Protein backbone atom coordinates (compact mmCIF):
# COMPACT_ATOMS: atom_id res chain seq x y z
CA MET A 1 0.19 0.27 -0.43
CA ALA A 2 1.31 3.29 -1.06
CA ARG A 3 2.32 5.72 1.98
CA ARG A 4 -0.37 8.53 2.30
CA HIS A 5 1.21 11.88 1.56
CA GLY A 6 0.75 14.60 4.41
CA ARG A 7 -0.25 18.11 3.51
CA THR A 8 1.02 21.34 5.24
CA PHE A 9 -1.14 24.41 6.52
CA ILE A 10 0.70 28.23 7.46
CA GLY A 11 -0.76 31.16 9.29
CA THR A 12 0.15 33.16 12.15
CA SER A 13 -0.52 32.83 16.06
CA GLY A 14 -3.58 34.73 17.11
CA TRP A 15 -4.94 37.21 14.46
CA VAL A 16 -6.40 40.43 16.28
CA TYR A 17 -3.62 42.84 16.43
CA GLU A 18 -3.84 46.57 15.47
CA SER A 19 -0.50 46.93 13.90
CA TRP A 20 -1.71 44.56 11.49
CA ARG A 21 -3.90 47.12 9.79
CA GLN A 22 -1.30 47.89 7.11
CA HIS A 23 -0.45 44.77 6.44
CA LEU A 24 -3.40 42.72 6.37
CA TYR A 25 -6.46 44.44 7.46
CA GLU A 26 -6.37 47.59 5.10
CA GLY A 27 -9.78 49.22 5.15
CA ILE A 28 -11.25 45.87 6.82
CA PRO A 29 -13.65 46.39 10.22
CA ARG A 30 -12.05 44.96 12.91
CA ASN A 31 -15.51 42.77 13.95
CA GLN A 32 -14.57 41.03 9.78
CA TRP A 33 -10.47 40.53 10.48
CA LEU A 34 -11.12 36.63 11.34
CA ARG A 35 -13.18 36.37 8.25
CA HIS A 36 -10.30 37.97 6.34
CA ALA A 37 -7.43 36.23 7.51
CA SER A 38 -9.15 32.99 7.58
CA ARG A 39 -9.33 33.45 3.71
CA SER A 40 -5.82 34.38 3.76
CA PHE A 41 -4.69 31.20 5.84
CA ASP A 42 -5.84 27.83 5.99
CA THR A 43 -5.06 27.94 9.77
CA LEU A 44 -4.96 30.04 12.89
CA GLU A 45 -3.81 29.67 16.29
CA ILE A 46 -5.77 30.75 19.00
CA ASN A 47 -3.66 32.40 21.16
CA GLY A 48 -6.15 34.25 23.71
CA SER A 49 -7.28 31.00 25.25
CA PHE A 50 -4.05 31.06 26.89
CA TYR A 51 -4.98 33.79 28.72
CA THR A 52 -8.35 33.60 29.59
CA GLN A 53 -11.43 31.60 29.18
CA ILE A 54 -13.16 32.17 26.23
CA LYS A 55 -16.82 31.37 25.93
CA PRO A 56 -18.39 28.91 24.22
CA ALA A 57 -20.27 31.01 22.38
CA THR A 58 -17.41 33.02 21.39
CA TYR A 59 -15.84 29.77 20.20
CA GLN A 60 -18.90 28.64 18.10
CA ARG A 61 -19.31 32.57 16.82
CA TRP A 62 -15.91 31.68 15.08
CA ARG A 63 -16.44 28.51 13.72
CA GLY A 64 -19.21 30.40 11.81
CA GLU A 65 -16.74 33.17 10.51
CA VAL A 66 -14.55 30.69 8.94
CA PRO A 67 -14.73 28.87 4.89
CA ALA A 68 -15.05 24.94 5.32
CA GLY A 69 -12.16 23.02 5.89
CA PHE A 70 -10.57 25.91 7.64
CA ARG A 71 -8.53 24.32 10.84
CA PHE A 72 -8.10 26.07 14.22
CA ALA A 73 -5.66 25.05 16.66
CA LEU A 74 -5.37 25.95 20.06
CA LYS A 75 -2.79 27.31 23.11
CA GLY A 76 -3.76 25.39 26.09
CA HIS A 77 -4.54 27.57 29.14
CA ARG A 78 -1.31 28.69 31.57
CA PHE A 79 -3.05 27.54 34.72
CA VAL A 80 -2.18 24.34 33.79
CA THR A 81 0.97 24.68 32.37
CA HIS A 82 2.26 27.35 34.33
CA TYR A 83 0.20 27.24 37.62
CA LYS A 84 -0.67 23.71 37.92
CA ARG A 85 2.74 22.98 35.52
CA LEU A 86 0.68 19.95 34.80
CA LEU A 87 -0.26 18.36 38.11
CA ASP A 88 -3.89 17.61 39.04
CA VAL A 89 -4.84 19.41 35.74
CA ASP A 90 -7.61 16.50 34.42
CA ARG A 91 -10.34 19.17 35.69
CA SER A 92 -8.71 21.90 33.86
CA ILE A 93 -8.49 20.05 30.77
CA ALA A 94 -11.77 18.58 30.44
CA LEU A 95 -12.89 22.87 31.32
CA LEU A 96 -11.45 24.16 28.43
CA ARG A 97 -12.61 21.01 26.11
CA ASP A 98 -15.85 21.73 27.33
CA GLN A 99 -15.51 25.28 26.04
CA ALA A 100 -14.21 24.97 22.93
CA ILE A 101 -16.38 22.33 21.78
CA GLY A 102 -18.56 25.36 19.65
CA LEU A 103 -15.24 24.73 16.99
CA GLY A 104 -16.25 21.33 16.21
CA ALA A 105 -14.08 19.79 13.35
CA ALA A 106 -12.39 23.09 12.90
CA LEU A 107 -10.28 22.64 15.52
CA THR A 108 -7.35 20.15 15.04
CA CYS A 109 -4.37 20.40 17.51
CA VAL A 110 -4.07 22.29 21.01
CA VAL A 111 -0.51 23.64 21.64
CA TRP A 112 0.67 22.87 25.40
CA GLN A 113 3.38 26.02 26.17
CA LEU A 114 5.74 25.20 29.13
CA PRO A 115 7.07 27.65 30.99
CA ALA A 116 11.04 28.61 29.73
CA HIS A 117 12.08 27.07 33.49
CA PHE A 118 10.28 24.57 34.01
CA GLU A 119 12.82 21.65 34.40
CA ALA A 120 12.22 18.01 32.98
CA ASN A 121 9.95 15.62 35.07
CA PRO A 122 8.67 12.75 33.46
CA ALA A 123 6.83 11.55 35.77
CA ARG A 124 4.82 14.66 35.45
CA LEU A 125 4.42 14.87 32.06
CA GLU A 126 3.39 11.24 31.72
CA SER A 127 0.39 12.12 34.80
CA PHE A 128 -0.14 14.97 32.13
CA LEU A 129 -0.50 12.26 28.82
CA ASP A 130 -3.00 10.64 29.91
CA ALA A 131 -4.88 13.89 31.52
CA LEU A 132 -5.27 13.73 27.51
CA ALA A 133 -6.55 11.18 26.87
CA ALA A 134 -9.87 12.67 27.92
CA TRP A 135 -10.10 15.03 24.96
CA PRO A 136 -9.42 12.27 21.85
CA GLU A 137 -11.62 14.62 19.61
CA VAL A 138 -8.35 16.28 19.18
CA ARG A 139 -4.26 15.60 18.62
CA HIS A 140 -2.53 17.70 21.26
CA ALA A 141 1.55 19.25 21.01
CA ILE A 142 3.77 20.02 23.62
CA GLU A 143 6.60 23.33 23.63
CA LEU A 144 9.24 22.10 25.61
CA ARG A 145 11.25 25.01 26.46
CA HIS A 146 13.82 23.80 28.60
CA ARG A 147 16.82 21.47 27.16
CA SER A 148 16.22 19.05 29.94
CA TRP A 149 13.09 17.84 27.85
CA PHE A 150 15.06 16.62 25.09
CA SER A 151 15.75 13.12 26.06
CA GLU A 152 14.95 9.47 24.56
CA GLU A 153 12.50 9.00 27.60
CA VAL A 154 10.79 12.31 27.16
CA ALA A 155 10.32 11.60 22.94
CA GLN A 156 8.94 7.93 23.83
CA LEU A 157 6.43 9.08 26.22
CA LEU A 158 5.37 11.72 23.96
CA ALA A 159 5.61 9.15 21.15
CA THR A 160 3.78 6.76 22.95
CA ALA A 161 0.64 9.13 23.32
CA ARG A 162 0.33 10.36 19.98
CA VAL A 163 1.42 14.09 21.35
CA ALA A 164 3.63 16.66 19.19
CA ASN A 165 6.97 17.96 19.79
CA CYS A 166 6.45 20.96 19.43
CA LEU A 167 9.11 22.59 17.04
CA SER A 168 9.84 26.49 18.26
CA ASP A 169 12.21 28.44 16.74
CA ALA A 170 13.38 31.61 19.07
CA PRO A 171 17.01 32.96 20.11
CA ASP A 172 16.00 32.81 24.00
CA PHE A 173 14.99 29.27 24.48
CA PRO A 174 16.15 25.79 22.54
CA MET A 175 14.44 24.29 19.89
CA TRP A 176 14.13 20.19 19.97
CA ARG A 177 13.75 18.81 16.31
CA GLU A 178 12.87 16.05 17.29
CA ILE A 179 9.56 14.32 15.72
CA THR A 180 7.47 12.16 17.60
CA THR A 181 4.30 11.39 15.60
CA ASP A 182 2.29 11.28 12.03
CA LEU A 183 1.80 15.85 12.46
CA VAL A 184 4.33 17.73 13.11
CA TYR A 185 3.89 21.29 15.05
CA VAL A 186 6.00 24.20 14.55
CA ARG A 187 6.12 27.45 16.22
CA LEU A 188 8.41 30.55 14.55
CA HIS A 189 8.36 33.16 16.89
CA GLY A 190 11.69 34.91 15.27
CA HIS A 191 14.67 34.09 15.25
CA THR A 192 16.66 36.79 16.22
CA ARG A 193 14.25 39.26 18.14
CA LYS A 194 11.71 37.05 19.75
CA TYR A 195 8.21 38.29 18.45
CA ALA A 196 9.59 40.76 16.02
CA SER A 197 12.56 39.99 13.57
CA ARG A 198 11.48 38.78 10.56
CA TYR A 199 12.43 35.53 8.53
CA SER A 200 15.18 35.47 6.04
CA ARG A 201 14.58 34.17 2.55
CA THR A 202 16.99 30.79 3.21
CA LEU A 203 15.25 30.35 6.35
CA LEU A 204 11.78 30.30 4.90
CA ASN A 205 13.16 27.90 2.30
CA ARG A 206 14.76 25.33 4.88
CA TRP A 207 11.61 25.11 6.90
CA ALA A 208 9.60 24.88 3.54
CA ASP A 209 12.45 22.22 2.74
CA ASP A 210 11.72 20.45 5.77
CA ALA A 211 7.55 20.58 5.55
CA ARG A 212 8.03 18.77 2.32
CA GLY A 213 9.88 16.17 3.22
CA TRP A 214 7.75 15.27 6.29
CA ASN A 215 4.83 15.48 3.84
CA ARG A 216 6.85 12.92 2.13
CA GLU A 217 7.14 10.59 5.38
CA GLY A 218 3.21 10.70 5.55
CA ARG A 219 3.27 13.73 8.30
CA ASP A 220 0.99 16.62 8.20
CA VAL A 221 2.28 19.92 9.33
CA TYR A 222 1.13 22.96 10.93
CA ILE A 223 3.51 25.78 10.95
CA TYR A 224 2.71 29.41 12.76
CA LEU A 225 4.33 32.47 12.17
CA ASP A 226 4.13 34.49 16.13
CA ASN A 227 6.53 37.18 14.67
CA ASP A 228 3.52 38.87 15.08
CA ALA A 229 5.06 43.17 16.69
CA GLU A 230 6.17 44.63 13.49
CA GLY A 231 3.51 42.70 11.39
CA HIS A 232 6.37 40.59 9.77
CA ALA A 233 4.05 37.26 10.62
CA VAL A 234 2.11 38.22 7.92
CA THR A 235 4.55 38.54 5.33
CA ASP A 236 6.40 35.46 6.46
CA ALA A 237 3.68 33.35 6.82
CA MET A 238 2.46 34.44 2.46
CA ALA A 239 6.43 33.67 1.73
CA LEU A 240 5.83 30.25 2.88
CA ARG A 241 2.81 29.08 1.76
CA GLU A 242 4.23 30.63 -1.61
CA LEU A 243 7.33 28.71 -1.27
CA VAL A 244 6.10 25.22 -0.25
CA ASP A 245 2.98 25.67 -3.07
CA LEU A 246 0.15 26.58 -1.23
CA PRO A 247 -2.30 29.27 -3.29
CA ILE A 248 -2.53 32.51 -2.00
CA SER A 249 -5.70 34.72 -2.26
CA VAL A 250 -4.53 37.64 -3.87
CA ASP A 251 -8.32 38.90 -3.08
CA ALA A 252 -7.85 38.53 0.23
CA LEU A 253 -4.52 40.70 0.80
CA PRO A 254 -3.89 44.04 0.54
CA SER A 255 -1.47 44.94 -2.08
CA ARG A 256 0.66 45.97 0.82
CA ALA A 257 1.25 42.38 1.80
CA LEU A 258 1.22 40.89 -1.16
CA ARG A 259 4.45 43.28 -2.23
CA ALA A 260 5.90 42.33 0.92
CA SER A 261 5.92 38.67 0.57
CA ALA A 262 7.34 38.59 -2.50
CA ARG A 263 10.69 40.01 -1.80
């Protein structure tokens, strides 16, 4: 039997940024930003869920604003990762699951970001992975920001639970390029200035090559640009989509973003 060829989805981490008016939302009313962004990208990462409890009705409304086939990723609440540090979080996971149910099939993956100073605790990780089994309708990824997690033991725990290691590029914490599942989750925070610096064409080409390689292995790839401070997430995501031959909706983008992505 021939191996399934994976797909790549590329978008941004969040979409509600005032500074993006000139990069993506020129002439677009604020209440139309999600509708507009979801026709420029085929996936977006919801990051407000990391900071606050989002009402189920809001998730349901968001689902109604995006086209068929669009995919959301959701960032797990920091109460689980930063306050509880993965310990005794069954009820918190269930709460987020029930809040986000309005996204339906549009929700593909939940990413859990650990604190940069949270050192490896495999036993606690294993307990957390067991708790995630209560939310089997979506895939999960975990962003490990401390090098002590980068071990064969942790890789095996993630692989057994079918949880993706998040490949996370930033100047102030290390990246672990371990692939643990048939889903590859990538967050690009800015290579030299976190949340701010633009990715060079050379670096974007490398990520495009990686994505094509993972697709050939049968893995689906989700890449989110998080260098949002100066609007580079928009132009970098557009450029990366072009490099991996994903369609760009010309009608959805202001000419400024199209010019920038072509450079």
